[in-house]
Protein backbone atom coordinates (compact mmCIF):
# COMPACT_ATOMS: atom_id res chain seq x y z
CA MET A 1 7.23 -4.49 -13.76
CA SER A 2 10.88 -4.09 -12.86
CA ASP A 3 10.21 -2.93 -9.28
CA PRO A 4 9.61 -6.02 -7.11
CA LEU A 5 8.33 -4.00 -4.15
CA ALA A 6 5.79 -2.18 -6.31
CA ALA A 7 4.70 -5.45 -7.94
CA GLU A 8 4.27 -7.11 -4.54
CA THR A 9 2.31 -4.15 -3.21
CA ILE A 10 0.04 -4.09 -6.25
CA GLU A 11 -0.69 -7.81 -5.85
CA LEU A 12 -1.49 -7.30 -2.17
CA ILE A 13 -3.79 -4.40 -2.97
CA LYS A 14 -5.52 -6.38 -5.74
CA ALA A 15 -6.59 -8.85 -3.06
CA HIS A 16 -8.39 -6.01 -1.24
CA ALA A 17 -9.71 -4.14 -4.30
CA GLY A 18 -13.18 -4.49 -5.68
CA PRO A 19 -13.82 -6.94 -8.51
CA ASP A 20 -14.07 -4.12 -11.07
CA ALA A 21 -10.67 -2.64 -10.23
CA GLY A 22 -9.24 -2.91 -13.75
CA GLU A 23 -5.56 -2.21 -14.34
CA ILE A 24 -3.68 -1.20 -11.20
CA THR A 25 -0.43 0.78 -11.33
CA THR A 26 1.57 2.83 -8.84
CA ASP A 27 -0.41 5.89 -10.01
CA THR A 28 -3.75 4.30 -9.11
CA GLU A 29 -5.57 6.10 -6.32
CA LEU A 30 -6.77 3.88 -3.51
CA ASP A 31 -10.27 5.33 -3.37
CA THR A 32 -10.85 4.44 -7.04
CA LEU A 33 -10.31 0.80 -6.06
CA GLY A 34 -12.96 0.83 -3.36
CA ILE A 35 -10.26 0.66 -0.69
CA HIS A 36 -11.25 2.47 2.47
CA SER A 37 -9.72 2.89 5.91
CA LEU A 38 -10.33 -0.69 7.10
CA GLU A 39 -8.78 -2.21 4.00
CA LEU A 40 -5.89 0.26 4.17
CA THR A 41 -5.24 -0.79 7.77
CA GLU A 42 -5.14 -4.44 6.68
CA ILE A 43 -2.79 -3.64 3.79
CA ILE A 44 -0.46 -1.71 6.09
CA PHE A 45 -0.47 -4.58 8.60
CA ASP A 46 0.37 -7.10 5.84
CA LEU A 47 3.24 -4.93 4.57
CA GLU A 48 4.61 -4.48 8.09
CA GLU A 49 4.63 -8.24 8.62
CA ARG A 50 6.18 -9.06 5.24
CA HIS A 51 9.02 -6.57 5.62
CA ALA A 52 9.51 -6.51 9.41
CA ILE A 53 8.85 -2.77 9.52
CA GLU A 54 6.50 -0.53 11.46
CA ILE A 55 4.50 2.12 9.67
CA GLU A 56 3.94 4.59 12.48
CA MET A 57 0.73 6.33 11.57
CA ASN A 58 -2.82 5.82 12.61
CA THR A 59 -5.53 5.04 10.09
CA VAL A 60 -6.55 8.68 9.70
CA ASP A 61 -2.96 9.76 9.01
CA ALA A 62 -2.49 6.88 6.59
CA TRP A 63 -5.71 7.72 4.76
CA ASN A 64 -4.68 11.38 4.48
CA ASN A 65 -1.06 10.69 3.42
CA LEU A 66 -1.23 7.52 1.34
CA LYS A 67 -3.43 8.38 -1.64
CA THR A 68 -1.89 6.20 -4.35
CA ILE A 69 -0.22 2.83 -4.51
CA GLY A 70 3.00 4.69 -5.29
CA ASP A 71 2.67 6.55 -1.97
CA ILE A 72 2.48 3.22 -0.14
CA VAL A 73 5.45 1.81 -2.05
CA ALA A 74 7.54 4.91 -1.28
CA ALA A 75 6.66 4.79 2.43
CA VAL A 76 7.53 1.09 2.68
CA ARG A 77 10.76 1.54 0.70
CA THR A 78 11.86 4.37 3.01
CA LEU A 79 11.27 2.21 6.09
CA ILE A 80 13.06 -0.79 4.57
CA ASP A 81 16.05 1.42 3.71
CA LYS A 82 16.15 2.86 7.25
CA LYS A 83 16.03 -0.67 8.67
CA GLY A 84 19.10 -1.29 6.60
């Protein structure tokens, strides 16, 4: 994968996904991986720490707005770019 942020995010999500996750891409929907609100909160926290950013949404907002891995990557990339 030529996108380091996407590759890093996928690896992080693999650590939280169920053992039968199969191939994971940016198009993969989080709920198909067995990732629920608690795991999503942990993933968001890990990404915030790794990139010194703050994703300002509560778990309900995150669950409603971040449906795929690509959604997470885009949100993180936007915050990294704003941080400059």
